[in-house]
Amino acid sequence: MLRIRSKKWVFCCSWVLLIIFCSLLVYTPVATAAAAGDIQNSMDKLLGYYNREVQCNEWEALGLRWAGVECSSKYTPENAVSASDYARKIMGAIAGRQDATGIQDDIDTLIGMQKTAGDTKGSFINGANTSLNQTIWAVIALDFADINGFTVNYQRDDAVSYICSNQDAGGGFDESGWGVDVDSTAHALIALSSDYQQPGKDAITTTINSALAYLQGQQMDTGGFGGWGSESPDTIAAVIEALMALGIDPSGKEWCKNGNNMINSLLSYQSSKGWFVLSWEALAWNDPTVPNQMSTYHSLLALGDLARGQSKYSSTLPEIGDLGGSGGNPGTVDPGQQQVSFSDLAGFDWAREAIESLAVKGIIKGTGDGYEPARNISRAEMLALLLRIQGINLEKGDSGFTDVMENDWFYTVIATAGKQGWVSGYPDSTFKPYAHISRNEAACLIIHIFPADTGEAFSGKVGFSDQENIPAWAWEAAGSLQQRGIISGYPDGSFRGEGKLTRAEAAVIMYKLIRK
């Protein structure tokens, strides 16, 4: 059976009445405005769950790669028959770092399915597969492949026109033949998103605005979305992905209902073990004590967009761990070497020299979107950079942490640092590799790996204007690094230790460590 990313559950009248009655007895968590920390904590737990899984499908591969996680060894492709099958396979294969020639062959096969004449001109319907989702997902996948460096030549305008022509009078879309619904409309919006508010695309923008109005009319009092009278995390995730593709904040006031928003509604379906449920209600067709695979990977896809602040479908996938280059001591930068620059360093002149110098040495490298200097850096990424600067050989061994698996890209990094006594993790035996590192944590990590020389002993004084906010466990590290000129704080003299370290700030620190 063709698997698509939309769901319907049809029940007889007695079951519907029973479920509605039972739902009145179930406590529904009250959603509040989602903070960035809530999203990141949720993502950390979710990635911890996937660390324990031994294989992943196309959607999971896409979500994991978007999170910067290596997934090629776990990726298990499925056979493709229809256009939507090929679309799914292409995106999963790109995310899973599969053979580029094979991916290009699949792209060419998909393009060959496009109709070039008649009432279905521009569509990707084929044989018995005549639903709109064939064209919606073909457009999404081909645009995605194009952005990620593959050769893509198809009649995009015709495909977009075909999608728009299938809009319902009420603004919604039906991608499966089951009727207009939220999932279908969200997926259509993703396919149309690159034309939103673009010059010469007024008709498409009108179509999109009409679809957005339809979605707002379908939003539930919980802030979430669903179908057939019940909320669904899968549907909520689809709407989040659509809004992110359009550059719209899913937590904006126009998307709040009774003070509730869709992000918190989605997070309410996450278990303490990281995975997601379809419903917390135990029914013949739903067991809330085990992971629901579809709800979990739909949530992964949505949370990835929220965590990065942009849509995966319109972006080049990041490098694994956002690192790169080779190990060993990089020494100092040779001014005569070829310069490396990035297009997104405007406003970061204070970090430009450090970033470009480290890039020349291969210590750091950018993503498909430039260097992303403002993006927060994870604990695993920071540790890997420090070990690269330090020049130590990475070793295999037991990491000692429950959330660090042997097939993780950072496994030997954390195992080596643990063996050296440089990291200890958290009381619950986790390392939280994907969590964004705070400036307090970064200071302590640096001081462990790069302790002060005899002549640089800490004077006992900390010169930051907010020194009273620096916790005792980070006091000496922050003060020592300031004294050594490794960190200098912000223009107002503050350290802001609870703040997250950005990629630009991390580059400056690495550059100073090398030069010292």
Protein backbone atom coordinates (compact mmCIF):
# COMPACT_ATOMS: atom_id res chain seq x y z
CA MET A 1 0.00 0.00 0.00
CA LEU A 2 1.25 3.48 -0.83
CA ARG A 3 2.43 5.22 2.30
CA ILE A 4 1.87 8.96 2.33
CA ARG A 5 2.21 11.54 5.06
CA SER A 6 -1.47 12.07 5.77
CA LYS A 7 -3.80 10.04 7.97
CA LYS A 8 -7.52 9.28 8.30
CA TRP A 9 -9.27 7.10 10.80
CA VAL A 10 -12.78 6.02 9.99
CA PHE A 11 -14.92 4.67 12.76
CA CYS A 12 -18.51 3.57 13.02
CA CYS A 13 -20.83 6.00 14.76
CA SER A 14 -20.80 4.15 18.07
CA TRP A 15 -17.02 4.28 18.30
CA VAL A 16 -16.98 7.98 17.44
CA LEU A 17 -19.49 8.76 20.17
CA LEU A 18 -17.57 6.62 22.67
CA ILE A 19 -14.23 8.29 21.88
CA ILE A 20 -15.71 11.78 22.11
CA PHE A 21 -17.28 10.89 25.44
CA CYS A 22 -14.04 9.40 26.79
CA SER A 23 -12.01 12.36 25.62
CA LEU A 24 -14.04 14.59 27.91
CA LEU A 25 -12.70 12.57 30.83
CA VAL A 26 -9.05 12.82 29.81
CA TYR A 27 -6.92 15.67 31.15
CA THR A 28 -5.49 17.84 28.37
CA PRO A 29 -2.26 19.68 29.25
CA VAL A 30 -2.54 23.45 29.05
CA ALA A 31 -0.10 24.84 26.49
CA THR A 32 1.94 27.91 27.22
CA ALA A 33 4.29 29.84 24.98
CA ALA A 34 7.07 27.52 23.89
CA ALA A 35 10.57 28.71 24.68
CA ALA A 36 13.62 27.87 22.61
CA GLY A 37 14.86 25.83 25.56
CA ASP A 38 11.71 23.71 25.50
CA ILE A 39 12.24 22.94 21.83
CA GLN A 40 15.90 22.08 22.31
CA ASN A 41 15.21 19.90 25.35
CA SER A 42 12.54 18.07 23.41
CA MET A 43 14.92 17.60 20.48
CA ASP A 44 17.66 16.30 22.77
CA LYS A 45 15.34 13.65 24.20
CA LEU A 46 14.10 12.72 20.75
CA LEU A 47 17.62 12.31 19.35
CA GLY A 48 18.49 10.23 22.39
CA TYR A 49 15.67 7.88 21.43
CA TYR A 50 16.88 7.64 17.84
CA ASN A 51 20.41 6.94 19.06
CA ARG A 52 19.09 3.68 20.44
CA GLU A 53 17.36 2.68 17.19
CA VAL A 54 19.27 0.41 14.81
CA GLN A 55 17.71 1.52 11.53
CA CYS A 56 15.81 4.43 10.05
CA ASN A 57 13.50 5.00 7.10
CA GLU A 58 13.55 7.88 4.62
CA TRP A 59 11.66 10.37 6.80
CA GLU A 60 13.77 9.52 9.84
CA ALA A 61 16.97 9.88 7.82
CA LEU A 62 15.85 13.31 6.62
CA GLY A 63 15.00 14.45 10.14
CA LEU A 64 18.21 13.11 11.66
CA ARG A 65 20.45 14.60 8.98
CA TRP A 66 18.69 17.95 9.41
CA ALA A 67 19.64 17.70 13.08
CA GLY A 68 23.28 17.13 12.08
CA VAL A 69 23.25 13.44 12.98
CA GLU A 70 25.03 10.76 10.93
CA CYS A 71 22.42 8.24 9.80
CA SER A 72 23.87 6.56 6.70
CA SER A 73 24.66 3.32 8.54
CA LYS A 74 21.08 3.08 9.80
CA TYR A 75 19.34 4.11 6.60
CA THR A 76 17.18 1.44 4.97
CA PRO A 77 15.72 2.55 1.61
CA GLU A 78 12.43 1.21 0.31
CA ASN A 79 11.43 0.32 -3.23
CA ALA A 80 9.75 3.06 -5.24
CA VAL A 81 6.85 2.71 -7.68
CA SER A 82 4.81 5.91 -7.63
CA ALA A 83 5.98 9.52 -7.83
CA SER A 84 5.47 10.02 -4.10
CA ASP A 85 7.53 6.87 -3.46
CA TYR A 86 10.38 8.27 -5.54
CA ALA A 87 10.07 11.64 -3.83
CA ARG A 88 10.41 10.05 -0.42
CA LYS A 89 13.29 7.86 -1.59
CA ILE A 90 15.20 10.79 -3.13
CA MET A 91 15.03 12.90 0.02
CA GLY A 92 15.94 9.98 2.25
CA ALA A 93 18.87 8.97 0.04
CA ILE A 94 20.27 12.50 -0.02
CA ALA A 95 19.96 12.69 3.76
CA GLY A 96 21.44 9.22 4.16
CA ARG A 97 24.47 10.04 1.98
CA GLN A 98 23.71 7.34 -0.56
CA ASP A 99 25.40 6.93 -3.95
CA ALA A 100 24.97 10.17 -5.90
CA THR A 101 24.64 8.38 -9.23
CA GLY A 102 21.77 6.30 -7.93
CA ILE A 103 20.07 9.38 -6.53
CA GLN A 104 20.40 11.19 -9.86
CA ASP A 105 18.90 8.16 -11.64
CA ASP A 106 15.89 8.29 -9.32
CA ILE A 107 15.55 12.03 -9.92
CA ASP A 108 15.54 11.46 -13.68
CA THR A 109 12.98 8.68 -13.29
CA LEU A 110 10.71 10.95 -11.27
CA ILE A 111 11.02 13.78 -13.78
CA GLY A 112 10.09 11.33 -16.54
CA MET A 113 6.74 10.76 -14.82
CA GLN A 114 5.58 14.35 -15.29
CA LYS A 115 2.65 14.82 -17.67
CA THR A 116 3.33 17.27 -20.48
CA ALA A 117 -0.14 17.69 -22.01
CA GLY A 118 -3.87 17.39 -21.38
CA ASP A 119 -5.97 18.13 -18.32
CA THR A 120 -3.28 16.68 -16.06
CA LYS A 121 -0.42 18.68 -17.59
CA GLY A 122 2.30 19.31 -15.02
CA SER A 123 1.14 16.55 -12.69
CA PHE A 124 3.02 13.41 -11.66
CA ILE A 125 0.04 11.07 -11.57
CA ASN A 126 0.83 7.62 -12.91
CA GLY A 127 -1.40 4.62 -13.50
CA ALA A 128 -3.58 4.01 -10.48
CA ASN A 129 -1.71 6.64 -8.46
CA THR A 130 -3.83 9.67 -9.34
CA SER A 131 -3.97 11.51 -6.02
CA LEU A 132 -2.66 15.05 -5.66
CA ASN A 133 0.06 13.97 -3.26
CA GLN A 134 1.97 12.48 -6.21
CA THR A 135 2.54 15.99 -7.56
CA ILE A 136 2.89 17.75 -4.21
CA TRP A 137 5.71 15.51 -3.02
CA ALA A 138 7.38 15.40 -6.44
CA VAL A 139 7.70 19.20 -6.37
CA ILE A 140 8.99 19.18 -2.78
CA ALA A 141 11.57 16.46 -3.50
CA LEU A 142 12.80 17.87 -6.81
CA ASP A 143 13.21 21.36 -5.37
CA PHE A 144 15.03 19.82 -2.41
CA ALA A 145 17.35 17.85 -4.70
CA ASP A 146 18.06 20.97 -6.74
CA ILE A 147 19.06 22.93 -3.64
CA ASN A 148 21.31 20.07 -2.56
CA GLY A 149 23.34 20.09 -5.76
CA PHE A 150 21.66 17.59 -8.07
CA THR A 151 20.67 18.21 -11.68
CA VAL A 152 16.95 18.91 -11.80
CA ASN A 153 15.17 20.04 -14.97
CA TYR A 154 11.39 19.74 -14.88
CA GLN A 155 8.35 21.85 -15.68
CA ARG A 156 7.97 23.35 -12.24
CA ASP A 157 5.53 26.09 -13.22
CA ASP A 158 3.20 23.52 -14.75
CA ALA A 159 3.39 21.36 -11.62
CA VAL A 160 2.66 24.34 -9.38
CA SER A 161 -0.27 25.37 -11.58
CA TYR A 162 -1.67 21.86 -11.34
CA ILE A 163 -1.46 21.93 -7.55
CA CYS A 164 -3.11 25.36 -7.35
CA SER A 165 -5.91 24.26 -9.69
CA ASN A 166 -6.88 21.59 -7.18
CA GLN A 167 -7.54 24.01 -4.32
CA ASP A 168 -10.97 23.72 -2.78
CA ALA A 169 -13.28 26.72 -2.71
CA GLY A 170 -12.72 26.89 1.04
CA GLY A 171 -8.94 27.16 0.62
CA GLY A 172 -7.97 23.61 1.51
CA PHE A 173 -6.49 20.74 -0.47
CA ASP A 174 -7.20 17.02 -0.79
CA GLU A 175 -4.02 15.07 -1.53
CA SER A 176 -5.32 11.56 -0.94
CA GLY A 177 -8.84 11.44 -2.34
CA TRP A 178 -10.36 11.24 1.13
CA GLY A 179 -11.49 14.85 1.20
CA VAL A 180 -10.01 18.23 2.07
CA ASP A 181 -7.98 18.13 5.28
CA VAL A 182 -5.28 19.93 7.25
CA ASP A 183 -2.43 17.54 6.40
CA SER A 184 -3.02 17.83 2.66
CA THR A 185 -3.23 21.60 2.84
CA ALA A 186 -0.01 21.83 4.86
CA HIS A 187 1.85 19.65 2.37
CA ALA A 188 0.57 21.72 -0.56
CA LEU A 189 1.84 24.86 1.17
CA ILE A 190 5.32 23.35 1.47
CA ALA A 191 5.33 22.63 -2.27
CA LEU A 192 4.22 26.19 -3.08
CA SER A 193 6.32 27.95 -0.44
CA SER A 194 9.23 29.11 -2.62
CA ASP A 195 6.82 31.25 -4.68
CA TYR A 196 5.23 32.95 -1.67
CA GLN A 197 5.21 36.75 -1.95
CA GLN A 198 7.64 36.63 -4.87
CA PRO A 199 7.48 39.11 -7.78
CA GLY A 200 5.19 37.88 -10.54
CA LYS A 201 3.71 35.18 -8.29
CA ASP A 202 0.63 37.06 -7.06
CA ALA A 203 -1.80 34.30 -8.02
CA ILE A 204 0.20 31.68 -6.11
CA THR A 205 0.49 34.01 -3.11
CA THR A 206 -3.31 34.41 -3.17
CA THR A 207 -3.66 30.62 -3.23
CA ILE A 208 -1.31 30.31 -0.27
CA ASN A 209 -3.10 33.01 1.74
CA SER A 210 -6.41 31.27 1.14
CA ALA A 211 -4.90 27.99 2.36
CA LEU A 212 -3.51 29.72 5.46
CA ALA A 213 -6.97 31.10 6.22
CA TYR A 214 -8.34 27.57 5.92
CA LEU A 215 -5.74 26.29 8.40
CA GLN A 216 -6.52 29.05 10.89
CA GLY A 217 -10.16 28.07 10.71
CA GLN A 218 -9.24 24.47 11.53
CA GLN A 219 -7.07 25.25 14.57
CA MET A 220 -8.43 23.73 17.77
CA ASP A 221 -8.81 25.42 21.13
CA THR A 222 -5.74 23.50 22.31
CA GLY A 223 -3.68 25.33 19.69
CA GLY A 224 -3.22 22.10 17.77
CA PHE A 225 -4.71 20.52 14.67
CA GLY A 226 -6.22 17.21 13.73
CA GLY A 227 -9.13 15.62 11.96
CA TRP A 228 -12.35 13.78 12.62
CA GLY A 229 -12.81 15.67 15.86
CA SER A 230 -9.53 14.69 17.51
CA GLU A 231 -6.12 16.33 17.73
CA SER A 232 -3.12 14.62 16.11
CA PRO A 233 0.60 15.28 16.61
CA ASP A 234 1.17 14.21 13.00
CA THR A 235 -1.14 16.94 11.74
CA ILE A 236 0.31 19.54 14.10
CA ALA A 237 3.79 18.68 12.84
CA ALA A 238 2.68 19.09 9.22
CA VAL A 239 1.32 22.58 9.91
CA ILE A 240 4.52 23.59 11.71
CA GLU A 241 6.59 22.43 8.73
CA ALA A 242 4.34 24.37 6.34
CA LEU A 243 4.57 27.59 8.32
CA MET A 244 8.33 27.26 8.67
CA ALA A 245 8.60 26.76 4.90
CA LEU A 246 6.68 30.02 4.43
CA GLY A 247 8.79 31.88 6.98
CA ILE A 248 5.88 32.24 9.40
CA ASP A 249 6.35 31.86 13.15
CA PRO A 250 4.16 28.95 14.35
CA SER A 251 4.04 30.53 17.82
CA GLY A 252 3.00 33.97 16.50
CA LYS A 253 -0.06 35.57 18.03
CA GLU A 254 -2.13 34.93 14.91
CA TRP A 255 -1.53 31.21 15.45
CA CYS A 256 -2.50 31.13 19.13
CA LYS A 257 -5.92 29.89 20.18
CA ASN A 258 -7.20 30.69 23.66
CA GLY A 259 -3.63 31.38 24.70
CA ASN A 260 -2.44 28.01 23.39
CA ASN A 261 -0.05 27.39 20.49
CA MET A 262 0.70 24.47 18.24
CA ILE A 263 4.29 23.97 19.42
CA ASN A 264 3.28 23.22 22.98
CA SER A 265 0.44 21.08 21.70
CA LEU A 266 2.99 19.00 19.78
CA LEU A 267 5.36 18.72 22.74
CA SER A 268 2.53 17.43 24.93
CA TYR A 269 2.64 14.15 22.97
CA GLN A 270 6.27 13.40 23.83
CA SER A 271 7.06 10.68 26.35
CA SER A 272 9.74 10.93 29.01
CA LYS A 273 11.82 8.53 26.88
CA GLY A 274 11.87 10.90 23.93
CA TRP A 275 9.48 9.24 21.50
CA PHE A 276 5.99 10.49 20.64
CA VAL A 277 2.55 8.96 20.94
CA LEU A 278 -0.41 9.40 18.62
CA SER A 279 -2.67 9.76 21.64
CA TRP A 280 -2.32 9.29 25.37
CA GLU A 281 -5.58 7.37 25.39
CA ALA A 282 -5.31 3.59 25.35
CA LEU A 283 -7.55 2.20 22.62
CA ALA A 284 -7.73 -0.94 20.54
CA TRP A 285 -5.72 0.81 17.82
CA ASN A 286 -3.41 2.86 20.05
CA ASP A 287 -0.93 1.87 22.77
CA PRO A 288 0.54 4.96 24.48
CA THR A 289 3.16 2.89 26.31
CA VAL A 290 5.19 2.30 23.13
CA PRO A 291 6.52 4.64 20.42
CA ASN A 292 4.26 5.53 17.53
CA GLN A 293 6.73 5.51 14.64
CA MET A 294 4.88 7.94 12.39
CA SER A 295 4.08 10.43 15.13
CA THR A 296 7.69 10.28 16.27
CA TYR A 297 9.30 10.96 12.91
CA HIS A 298 6.73 13.60 11.99
CA SER A 299 7.63 15.35 15.24
CA LEU A 300 11.34 14.97 14.47
CA LEU A 301 10.84 16.72 11.13
CA ALA A 302 8.92 19.60 12.69
CA LEU A 303 11.20 20.05 15.69
CA GLY A 304 14.23 20.11 13.40
CA ASP A 305 12.80 23.10 11.56
CA LEU A 306 11.97 24.85 14.82
CA ALA A 307 15.42 24.19 16.27
CA ARG A 308 17.20 25.51 13.17
CA GLY A 309 14.75 28.32 12.53
CA GLN A 310 14.24 27.39 8.88
CA SER A 311 12.74 24.74 6.65
CA LYS A 312 14.74 21.69 5.66
CA TYR A 313 12.96 21.54 2.33
CA SER A 314 14.42 24.85 1.16
CA SER A 315 17.90 24.36 2.63
CA THR A 316 21.12 22.56 1.91
CA LEU A 317 21.53 19.80 4.46
CA PRO A 318 24.23 20.50 7.06
CA GLU A 319 27.49 18.65 7.38
CA ILE A 320 27.46 15.95 10.03
CA GLY A 321 28.19 17.66 13.32
CA ASP A 322 28.83 20.85 11.33
CA LEU A 323 32.54 20.14 11.68
CA GLY A 324 35.05 19.00 9.11
CA GLY A 325 38.72 18.88 8.21
CA SER A 326 41.30 16.56 9.71
CA GLY A 327 42.60 16.01 13.17
CA GLY A 328 45.99 16.96 14.53
CA ASN A 329 47.45 20.21 15.74
CA PRO A 330 46.62 22.88 13.15
CA GLY A 331 49.43 25.20 14.23
CA THR A 332 49.21 28.79 13.06
CA VAL A 333 47.61 30.11 9.91
CA ASP A 334 49.89 30.85 7.00
CA PRO A 335 48.91 34.28 5.61
CA GLY A 336 49.97 33.10 2.18
CA GLN A 337 47.42 30.31 2.08
CA GLN A 338 44.30 30.68 -0.02
CA GLN A 339 41.61 32.62 1.80
CA VAL A 340 38.27 31.02 2.64
CA SER A 341 35.27 33.24 3.15
CA PHE A 342 31.56 32.86 3.78
CA SER A 343 28.63 34.87 2.49
CA ASP A 344 26.85 35.28 5.82
CA LEU A 345 29.46 37.07 7.95
CA ALA A 346 27.94 40.54 7.63
CA GLY A 347 27.66 41.92 11.15
CA PHE A 348 30.31 39.50 12.40
CA ASP A 349 33.45 41.47 11.56
CA TRP A 350 34.69 40.81 15.10
CA ALA A 351 34.80 37.07 14.27
CA ARG A 352 35.66 37.17 10.56
CA GLU A 353 39.44 36.75 10.94
CA ALA A 354 39.02 33.80 13.29
CA ILE A 355 36.42 32.07 11.13
CA GLU A 356 38.32 32.51 7.87
CA SER A 357 41.65 31.52 9.39
CA LEU A 358 40.27 28.34 10.92
CA ALA A 359 38.49 27.51 7.67
CA VAL A 360 41.79 27.76 5.77
CA LYS A 361 43.23 25.12 8.09
CA GLY A 362 40.19 22.89 7.73
CA ILE A 363 39.46 23.10 11.45
CA ILE A 364 35.99 24.39 10.76
CA LYS A 365 33.87 24.60 7.68
CA GLY A 366 30.51 26.00 6.80
CA THR A 367 27.17 24.47 6.03
CA GLY A 368 25.26 24.82 2.81
CA ASP A 369 23.93 28.13 4.12
CA GLY A 370 27.33 29.73 4.79
CA TYR A 371 28.98 29.51 8.18
CA GLU A 372 25.83 30.23 10.25
CA PRO A 373 27.78 32.33 12.78
CA ALA A 374 24.75 33.11 14.93
CA ARG A 375 23.71 29.50 15.40
CA ASN A 376 24.31 27.93 18.80
CA ILE A 377 26.92 25.18 19.00
CA SER A 378 26.24 21.84 20.68
CA ARG A 379 28.22 20.23 23.50
CA ALA A 380 29.51 17.50 21.17
CA GLU A 381 30.55 19.99 18.49
CA MET A 382 32.40 22.17 21.00
CA LEU A 383 34.23 19.19 22.48
CA ALA A 384 35.22 17.93 19.04
CA LEU A 385 36.68 21.31 18.10
CA LEU A 386 38.66 21.52 21.33
CA LEU A 387 40.13 18.05 20.84
CA ARG A 388 41.02 18.92 17.27
CA ILE A 389 42.85 22.03 18.44
CA GLN A 390 44.52 20.06 21.24
CA GLY A 391 45.81 17.51 18.72
CA ILE A 392 45.07 14.35 20.70
CA ASN A 393 44.46 11.10 18.85
CA LEU A 394 40.90 9.87 19.22
CA GLU A 395 40.47 6.44 20.79
CA LYS A 396 37.70 3.89 20.88
CA GLY A 397 36.36 2.87 24.23
CA ASP A 398 33.37 2.98 26.52
CA SER A 399 32.01 6.52 26.61
CA GLY A 400 30.35 5.90 29.97
CA PHE A 401 27.23 7.83 28.97
CA THR A 402 23.81 6.33 28.31
CA ASP A 403 23.01 8.75 25.48
CA VAL A 404 26.25 8.28 23.52
CA MET A 405 26.09 5.33 21.13
CA GLU A 406 28.95 3.63 19.29
CA ASN A 407 27.63 4.66 15.86
CA ASP A 408 27.42 8.37 16.75
CA TRP A 409 29.89 10.62 14.93
CA PHE A 410 31.07 12.01 18.27
CA TYR A 411 31.47 8.64 20.03
CA THR A 412 35.29 8.55 19.94
CA VAL A 413 35.43 12.26 20.77
CA ILE A 414 33.49 11.82 23.99
CA ALA A 415 35.14 8.48 24.83
CA THR A 416 38.60 10.05 24.46
CA ALA A 417 37.68 13.09 26.55
CA GLY A 418 36.18 10.85 29.21
CA LYS A 419 39.31 8.70 29.36
CA GLN A 420 41.37 11.85 29.89
CA GLY A 421 39.06 12.95 32.70
CA TRP A 422 37.99 16.07 30.83
CA VAL A 423 34.23 15.42 30.88
CA SER A 424 31.96 13.95 33.51
CA GLY A 425 28.46 14.56 32.18
CA TYR A 426 25.30 14.83 34.24
CA PRO A 427 24.15 13.02 37.40
CA ASP A 428 21.81 10.82 35.34
CA SER A 429 24.82 9.41 33.41
CA THR A 430 24.01 11.37 30.25
CA PHE A 431 26.25 13.71 28.30
CA LYS A 432 23.51 15.51 26.34
CA PRO A 433 25.66 15.78 23.20
CA TYR A 434 23.05 17.66 21.18
CA ALA A 435 22.27 20.24 23.84
CA HIS A 436 23.54 23.73 23.12
CA ILE A 437 26.51 24.47 25.35
CA SER A 438 26.31 27.44 27.71
CA ARG A 439 29.16 29.89 28.16
CA ASN A 440 29.62 28.62 31.73
CA GLU A 441 29.92 25.04 30.50
CA ALA A 442 32.22 26.03 27.65
CA ALA A 443 34.57 27.83 30.06
CA CYS A 444 34.85 24.75 32.27
CA LEU A 445 35.42 22.48 29.29
CA ILE A 446 38.17 24.72 27.91
CA ILE A 447 39.97 24.99 31.25
CA HIS A 448 40.00 21.18 31.62
CA ILE A 449 41.50 20.59 28.19
CA PHE A 450 43.73 23.69 28.13
CA PRO A 451 44.75 24.34 31.76
CA ALA A 452 46.73 27.46 32.62
CA ASP A 453 50.52 27.30 32.56
CA THR A 454 52.45 27.83 35.79
CA GLY A 455 52.89 31.51 35.07
CA GLU A 456 49.19 31.98 34.34
CA ALA A 457 47.77 30.88 37.69
CA PHE A 458 44.34 32.33 38.40
CA SER A 459 44.59 35.51 40.44
CA GLY A 460 41.26 34.89 42.13
CA LYS A 461 39.64 37.94 40.59
CA VAL A 462 36.86 37.97 38.02
CA GLY A 463 36.34 41.18 36.11
CA PHE A 464 32.89 40.71 34.61
CA SER A 465 30.11 43.17 35.41
CA ASP A 466 27.70 40.31 36.10
CA GLN A 467 30.17 38.22 38.11
CA GLU A 468 27.62 37.72 40.88
CA ASN A 469 25.63 35.58 38.42
CA ILE A 470 28.51 33.22 37.66
CA PRO A 471 27.98 29.95 39.60
CA ALA A 472 30.71 28.72 41.91
CA TRP A 473 31.52 25.76 39.67
CA ALA A 474 32.31 28.07 36.73
CA TRP A 475 33.88 30.97 38.67
CA GLU A 476 37.54 29.99 38.37
CA ALA A 477 37.20 28.84 34.76
CA ALA A 478 35.59 32.10 33.66
CA GLY A 479 38.08 34.21 35.58
CA SER A 480 41.12 32.28 34.43
CA LEU A 481 40.14 32.41 30.76
CA GLN A 482 39.46 36.12 31.03
CA GLN A 483 42.85 36.63 32.66
CA ARG A 484 44.54 34.67 29.87
CA GLY A 485 42.72 36.64 27.17
CA ILE A 486 40.80 33.65 25.82
CA ILE A 487 37.40 35.17 26.60
CA SER A 488 36.61 38.82 27.04
CA GLY A 489 32.88 39.05 27.50
CA TYR A 490 30.44 41.44 25.89
CA PRO A 491 30.84 45.18 25.23
CA ASP A 492 28.93 45.97 28.43
CA GLY A 493 31.48 43.97 30.44
CA SER A 494 29.16 41.05 31.14
CA PHE A 495 29.92 37.34 30.78
CA ARG A 496 26.32 36.07 30.43
CA GLY A 497 27.31 32.58 31.48
CA GLU A 498 23.84 31.07 31.12
CA GLY A 499 23.68 32.22 27.50
CA LYS A 500 24.42 29.77 24.71
CA LEU A 501 27.72 29.87 22.83
CA THR A 502 27.40 30.64 19.12
CA ARG A 503 29.47 29.27 16.26
CA ALA A 504 31.08 32.68 15.82
CA GLU A 505 32.07 32.88 19.49
CA ALA A 506 33.40 29.32 19.40
CA ALA A 507 35.56 30.16 16.38
CA VAL A 508 37.08 33.17 18.16
CA ILE A 509 37.90 31.02 21.19
CA MET A 510 39.56 28.35 19.02
CA TYR A 511 41.55 30.98 17.18
CA LYS A 512 42.83 32.47 20.44
CA LEU A 513 43.75 29.03 21.79
CA ILE A 514 45.82 28.33 18.67
CA ARG A 515 47.61 31.65 18.83
CA LYS A 516 48.37 31.19 22.53
